[in-house]
Amino acid sequence: MATNKKPDIRRGEMSFIFAIVLGLALGLAIKKIRIGILIGLVLGIVIVFTGWLRSARK
């Protein structure tokens, strides 16, 4: 019997944090920390939103 597993909340949090760190690294690379934070937040929100949409469809 197959059991339906809900996506772990930790996975969403980890992807959000990863996106913020990625944005900060990008911001450091282009020497604009504020832009890096904004990019990280936008990426994190997009990742969490698409994950939420995918889980809402199932």
PDB file of N, CA and C in Angstrom:
ATOM      1  N   MET A   1       0.833  -1.177   0.000  1.00  0.00           N
ATOM      2  CA  MET A   1       0.000   0.000   0.000  1.00  0.00           C
ATOM      3  C   MET A   1       0.884   1.249   0.000  1.00  0.00           C
ATOM      4  N   ALA A   2       0.648   2.130  -0.925  1.00  0.00           N
ATOM      5  CA  ALA A   2       1.445   3.354  -1.007  1.00  0.00           C
ATOM      6  C   ALA A   2       0.848   4.417  -0.095  1.00  0.00           C
ATOM      7  N   THR A   3       1.706   5.098   0.594  1.00  0.00           N
ATOM      8  CA  THR A   3       1.237   6.171   1.465  1.00  0.00           C
ATOM      9  C   THR A   3       1.605   7.505   0.848  1.00  0.00           C
ATOM     10  N   ASN A   4       0.676   8.433   0.950  1.00  0.00           N
ATOM     11  CA  ASN A   4       0.939   9.778   0.428  1.00  0.00           C
ATOM     12  C   ASN A   4       1.690  10.568   1.481  1.00  0.00           C
ATOM     13  N   LYS A   5       2.865  11.044   1.111  1.00  0.00           N
ATOM     14  CA  LYS A   5       3.681  11.833   2.018  1.00  0.00           C
ATOM     15  C   LYS A   5       3.580  13.299   1.637  1.00  0.00           C
ATOM     16  N   LYS A   6       3.288  14.131   2.619  1.00  0.00           N
ATOM     17  CA  LYS A   6       3.264  15.564   2.354  1.00  0.00           C
ATOM     18  C   LYS A   6       4.701  16.068   2.292  1.00  0.00           C
ATOM     19  N   PRO A   7       4.956  17.084   1.466  1.00  0.00           N
ATOM     20  CA  PRO A   7       6.312  17.627   1.407  1.00  0.00           C
ATOM     21  C   PRO A   7       6.712  18.199   2.762  1.00  0.00           C
ATOM     22  N   ASP A   8       7.925  17.957   3.144  1.00  0.00           N
ATOM     23  CA  ASP A   8       8.414  18.432   4.424  1.00  0.00           C
ATOM     24  C   ASP A   8       8.569  19.948   4.397  1.00  0.00           C
ATOM     25  N   ILE A   9       8.179  20.594   5.478  1.00  0.00           N
ATOM     26  CA  ILE A   9       8.303  22.045   5.562  1.00  0.00           C
ATOM     27  C   ILE A   9       9.775  22.439   5.531  1.00  0.00           C
ATOM     28  N   ARG A  10      10.617  21.603   6.079  1.00  0.00           N
ATOM     29  CA  ARG A  10      12.053  21.887   6.086  1.00  0.00           C
ATOM     30  C   ARG A  10      12.603  22.054   4.669  1.00  0.00           C
ATOM     31  N   ARG A  11      12.062  21.305   3.742  1.00  0.00           N
ATOM     32  CA  ARG A  11      12.529  21.397   2.350  1.00  0.00           C
ATOM     33  C   ARG A  11      12.274  22.797   1.797  1.00  0.00           C
ATOM     34  N   GLY A  12      11.108  23.348   2.056  1.00  0.00           N
ATOM     35  CA  GLY A  12      10.787  24.697   1.607  1.00  0.00           C
ATOM     36  C   GLY A  12      11.666  25.743   2.272  1.00  0.00           C
ATOM     37  N   GLU A  13      11.890  25.558   3.579  1.00  0.00           N
ATOM     38  CA  GLU A  13      12.748  26.492   4.299  1.00  0.00           C
ATOM     39  C   GLU A  13      14.175  26.432   3.779  1.00  0.00           C
ATOM     40  N   MET A  14      14.656  25.223   3.514  1.00  0.00           N
ATOM     41  CA  MET A  14      16.024  25.074   3.020  1.00  0.00           C
ATOM     42  C   MET A  14      16.176  25.724   1.650  1.00  0.00           C
ATOM     43  N   SER A  15      15.190  25.542   0.781  1.00  0.00           N
ATOM     44  CA  SER A  15      15.294  26.147  -0.549  1.00  0.00           C
ATOM     45  C   SER A  15      15.226  27.672  -0.457  1.00  0.00           C
ATOM     46  N   PHE A  16      14.425  28.185   0.486  1.00  0.00           N
ATOM     47  CA  PHE A  16      14.328  29.627   0.680  1.00  0.00           C
ATOM     48  C   PHE A  16      15.668  30.191   1.149  1.00  0.00           C
ATOM     49  N   ILE A  17      16.278  29.532   2.129  1.00  0.00           N
ATOM     50  CA  ILE A  17      17.575  29.973   2.647  1.00  0.00           C
ATOM     51  C   ILE A  17      18.647  29.861   1.567  1.00  0.00           C
ATOM     52  N   PHE A  18      18.606  28.768   0.799  1.00  0.00           N
ATOM     53  CA  PHE A  18      19.572  28.590  -0.290  1.00  0.00           C
ATOM     54  C   PHE A  18      19.454  29.714  -1.310  1.00  0.00           C
ATOM     55  N   ALA A  19      18.225  30.101  -1.623  1.00  0.00           N
ATOM     56  CA  ALA A  19      18.019  31.176  -2.597  1.00  0.00           C
ATOM     57  C   ALA A  19      18.556  32.501  -2.066  1.00  0.00           C
ATOM     58  N   ILE A  20      18.367  32.763  -0.779  1.00  0.00           N
ATOM     59  CA  ILE A  20      18.882  33.996  -0.192  1.00  0.00           C
ATOM     60  C   ILE A  20      20.409  33.997  -0.220  1.00  0.00           C
ATOM     61  N   VAL A  21      21.016  32.866   0.146  1.00  0.00           N
ATOM     62  CA  VAL A  21      22.477  32.765   0.126  1.00  0.00           C
ATOM     63  C   VAL A  21      23.001  32.919  -1.302  1.00  0.00           C
ATOM     64  N   LEU A  22      22.310  32.303  -2.250  1.00  0.00           N
ATOM     65  CA  LEU A  22      22.703  32.436  -3.654  1.00  0.00           C
ATOM     66  C   LEU A  22      22.615  33.897  -4.102  1.00  0.00           C
ATOM     67  N   GLY A  23      21.570  34.576  -3.689  1.00  0.00           N
ATOM     68  CA  GLY A  23      21.426  35.995  -4.018  1.00  0.00           C
ATOM     69  C   GLY A  23      22.518  36.843  -3.382  1.00  0.00           C
ATOM     70  N   LEU A  24      22.876  36.521  -2.127  1.00  0.00           N
ATOM     71  CA  LEU A  24      23.957  37.253  -1.468  1.00  0.00           C
ATOM     72  C   LEU A  24      25.287  37.025  -2.173  1.00  0.00           C
ATOM     73  N   ALA A  25      25.539  35.781  -2.568  1.00  0.00           N
ATOM     74  CA  ALA A  25      26.780  35.481  -3.289  1.00  0.00           C
ATOM     75  C   ALA A  25      26.817  36.244  -4.610  1.00  0.00           C
ATOM     76  N   LEU A  26      25.680  36.290  -5.277  1.00  0.00           N
ATOM     77  CA  LEU A  26      25.601  37.041  -6.529  1.00  0.00           C
ATOM     78  C   LEU A  26      25.804  38.532  -6.272  1.00  0.00           C
ATOM     79  N   GLY A  27      25.232  39.014  -5.173  1.00  0.00           N
ATOM     80  CA  GLY A  27      25.407  40.418  -4.806  1.00  0.00           C
ATOM     81  C   GLY A  27      26.857  40.750  -4.494  1.00  0.00           C
ATOM     82  N   LEU A  28      27.545  39.832  -3.811  1.00  0.00           N
ATOM     83  CA  LEU A  28      28.969  40.046  -3.542  1.00  0.00           C
ATOM     84  C   LEU A  28      29.775  40.036  -4.832  1.00  0.00           C
ATOM     85  N   ALA A  29      29.380  39.170  -5.753  1.00  0.00           N
ATOM     86  CA  ALA A  29      30.102  39.072  -7.020  1.00  0.00           C
ATOM     87  C   ALA A  29      29.977  40.360  -7.835  1.00  0.00           C
ATOM     88  N   ILE A  30      28.826  41.021  -7.726  1.00  0.00           N
ATOM     89  CA  ILE A  30      28.661  42.262  -8.490  1.00  0.00           C
ATOM     90  C   ILE A  30      28.833  43.496  -7.604  1.00  0.00           C
ATOM     91  N   LYS A  31      29.281  43.278  -6.361  1.00  0.00           N
ATOM     92  CA  LYS A  31      29.615  44.355  -5.415  1.00  0.00           C
ATOM     93  C   LYS A  31      28.415  45.206  -5.005  1.00  0.00           C
ATOM     94  N   LYS A  32      27.240  44.639  -5.054  1.00  0.00           N
ATOM     95  CA  LYS A  32      26.045  45.354  -4.604  1.00  0.00           C
ATOM     96  C   LYS A  32      25.268  44.424  -3.671  1.00  0.00           C
ATOM     97  N   ILE A  33      25.474  44.576  -2.362  1.00  0.00           N
ATOM     98  CA  ILE A  33      24.857  43.686  -1.384  1.00  0.00           C
ATOM     99  C   ILE A  33      23.335  43.818  -1.396  1.00  0.00           C
ATOM    100  N   ARG A  34      22.825  45.033  -1.493  1.00  0.00           N
ATOM    101  CA  ARG A  34      21.366  45.222  -1.472  1.00  0.00           C
ATOM    102  C   ARG A  34      20.694  44.514  -2.639  1.00  0.00           C
ATOM    103  N   ILE A  35      21.300  44.594  -3.807  1.00  0.00           N
ATOM    104  CA  ILE A  35      20.735  43.907  -4.974  1.00  0.00           C
ATOM    105  C   ILE A  35      20.777  42.400  -4.754  1.00  0.00           C
ATOM    106  N   GLY A  36      21.850  41.907  -4.140  1.00  0.00           N
ATOM    107  CA  GLY A  36      21.959  40.474  -3.846  1.00  0.00           C
ATOM    108  C   GLY A  36      20.880  40.005  -2.892  1.00  0.00           C
ATOM    109  N   ILE A  37      20.608  40.811  -1.856  1.00  0.00           N
ATOM    110  CA  ILE A  37      19.545  40.454  -0.909  1.00  0.00           C
ATOM    111  C   ILE A  37      18.198  40.441  -1.619  1.00  0.00           C
ATOM    112  N   LEU A  38      17.948  41.435  -2.453  1.00  0.00           N
ATOM    113  CA  LEU A  38      16.686  41.472  -3.202  1.00  0.00           C
ATOM    114  C   LEU A  38      16.556  40.277  -4.136  1.00  0.00           C
ATOM    115  N   ILE A  39      17.630  39.947  -4.839  1.00  0.00           N
ATOM    116  CA  ILE A  39      17.597  38.789  -5.740  1.00  0.00           C
ATOM    117  C   ILE A  39      17.331  37.521  -4.944  1.00  0.00           C
ATOM    118  N   GLY A  40      17.998  37.378  -3.794  1.00  0.00           N
ATOM    119  CA  GLY A  40      17.796  36.203  -2.953  1.00  0.00           C
ATOM    120  C   GLY A  40      16.367  36.089  -2.451  1.00  0.00           C
ATOM    121  N   LEU A  41      15.797  37.203  -2.011  1.00  0.00           N
ATOM    122  CA  LEU A  41      14.414  37.180  -1.535  1.00  0.00           C
ATOM    123  C   LEU A  41      13.445  36.836  -2.654  1.00  0.00           C
ATOM    124  N   VAL A  42      13.651  37.425  -3.810  1.00  0.00           N
ATOM    125  CA  VAL A  42      12.765  37.135  -4.946  1.00  0.00           C
ATOM    126  C   VAL A  42      12.875  35.667  -5.342  1.00  0.00           C
ATOM    127  N   LEU A  43      14.106  35.157  -5.438  1.00  0.00           N
ATOM    128  CA  LEU A  43      14.284  33.739  -5.765  1.00  0.00           C
ATOM    129  C   LEU A  43      13.624  32.844  -4.719  1.00  0.00           C
ATOM    130  N   GLY A  44      13.806  33.179  -3.450  1.00  0.00           N
ATOM    131  CA  GLY A  44      13.204  32.387  -2.378  1.00  0.00           C
ATOM    132  C   GLY A  44      11.689  32.383  -2.446  1.00  0.00           C
ATOM    133  N   ILE A  45      11.109  33.539  -2.683  1.00  0.00           N
ATOM    134  CA  ILE A  45       9.651  33.627  -2.773  1.00  0.00           C
ATOM    135  C   ILE A  45       9.139  32.832  -3.965  1.00  0.00           C
ATOM    136  N   VAL A  46       9.832  32.925  -5.085  1.00  0.00           N
ATOM    137  CA  VAL A  46       9.420  32.170  -6.277  1.00  0.00           C
ATOM    138  C   VAL A  46       9.511  30.667  -6.016  1.00  0.00           C
ATOM    139  N   ILE A  47      10.593  30.221  -5.379  1.00  0.00           N
ATOM    140  CA  ILE A  47      10.758  28.794  -5.094  1.00  0.00           C
ATOM    141  C   ILE A  47       9.666  28.300  -4.153  1.00  0.00           C
ATOM    142  N   VAL A  48       9.408  29.048  -3.085  1.00  0.00           N
ATOM    143  CA  VAL A  48       8.372  28.636  -2.131  1.00  0.00           C
ATOM    144  C   VAL A  48       6.997  28.669  -2.789  1.00  0.00           C
ATOM    145  N   PHE A  49       6.717  29.694  -3.584  1.00  0.00           N
ATOM    146  CA  PHE A  49       5.414  29.816  -4.237  1.00  0.00           C
ATOM    147  C   PHE A  49       5.173  28.680  -5.224  1.00  0.00           C
ATOM    148  N   THR A  50       6.180  28.356  -6.032  1.00  0.00           N
ATOM    149  CA  THR A  50       6.000  27.261  -6.989  1.00  0.00           C
ATOM    150  C   THR A  50       5.885  25.916  -6.276  1.00  0.00           C
ATOM    151  N   GLY A  51       6.612  25.741  -5.190  1.00  0.00           N
ATOM    152  CA  GLY A  51       6.473  24.516  -4.403  1.00  0.00           C
ATOM    153  C   GLY A  51       5.082  24.407  -3.799  1.00  0.00           C
ATOM    154  N   TRP A  52       4.544  25.541  -3.341  1.00  0.00           N
ATOM    155  CA  TRP A  52       3.199  25.545  -2.778  1.00  0.00           C
ATOM    156  C   TRP A  52       2.166  25.230  -3.859  1.00  0.00           C
ATOM    157  N   LEU A  53       2.338  25.811  -5.044  1.00  0.00           N
ATOM    158  CA  LEU A  53       1.409  25.525  -6.140  1.00  0.00           C
ATOM    159  C   LEU A  53       1.450  24.049  -6.529  1.00  0.00           C
ATOM    160  N   ARG A  54       2.658  23.493  -6.570  1.00  0.00           N
ATOM    161  CA  ARG A  54       2.797  22.091  -6.959  1.00  0.00           C
ATOM    162  C   ARG A  54       2.135  21.173  -5.932  1.00  0.00           C
ATOM    163  N   SER A  55       2.286  21.498  -4.645  1.00  0.00           N
ATOM    164  CA  SER A  55       1.671  20.650  -3.626  1.00  0.00           C
ATOM    165  C   SER A  55       0.161  20.866  -3.565  1.00  0.00           C
ATOM    166  N   ALA A  56      -0.315  22.055  -3.937  1.00  0.00           N
ATOM    167  CA  ALA A  56      -1.750  22.333  -3.919  1.00  0.00           C
ATOM    168  C   ALA A  56      -2.467  21.602  -5.052  1.00  0.00           C
ATOM    169  N   ARG A  57      -1.762  21.344  -6.149  1.00  0.00           N
ATOM    170  CA  ARG A  57      -2.371  20.634  -7.276  1.00  0.00           C
ATOM    171  C   ARG A  57      -2.573  19.159  -6.991  1.00  0.00           C
ATOM    172  N   LYS A  58      -1.697  18.597  -6.187  1.00  0.00           N
ATOM    173  CA  LYS A  58      -1.769  17.148  -5.938  1.00  0.00           C
ATOM    174  C   LYS A  58      -2.829  16.777  -4.980  1.00  0.00           C
TER     175      LYS A  58
END
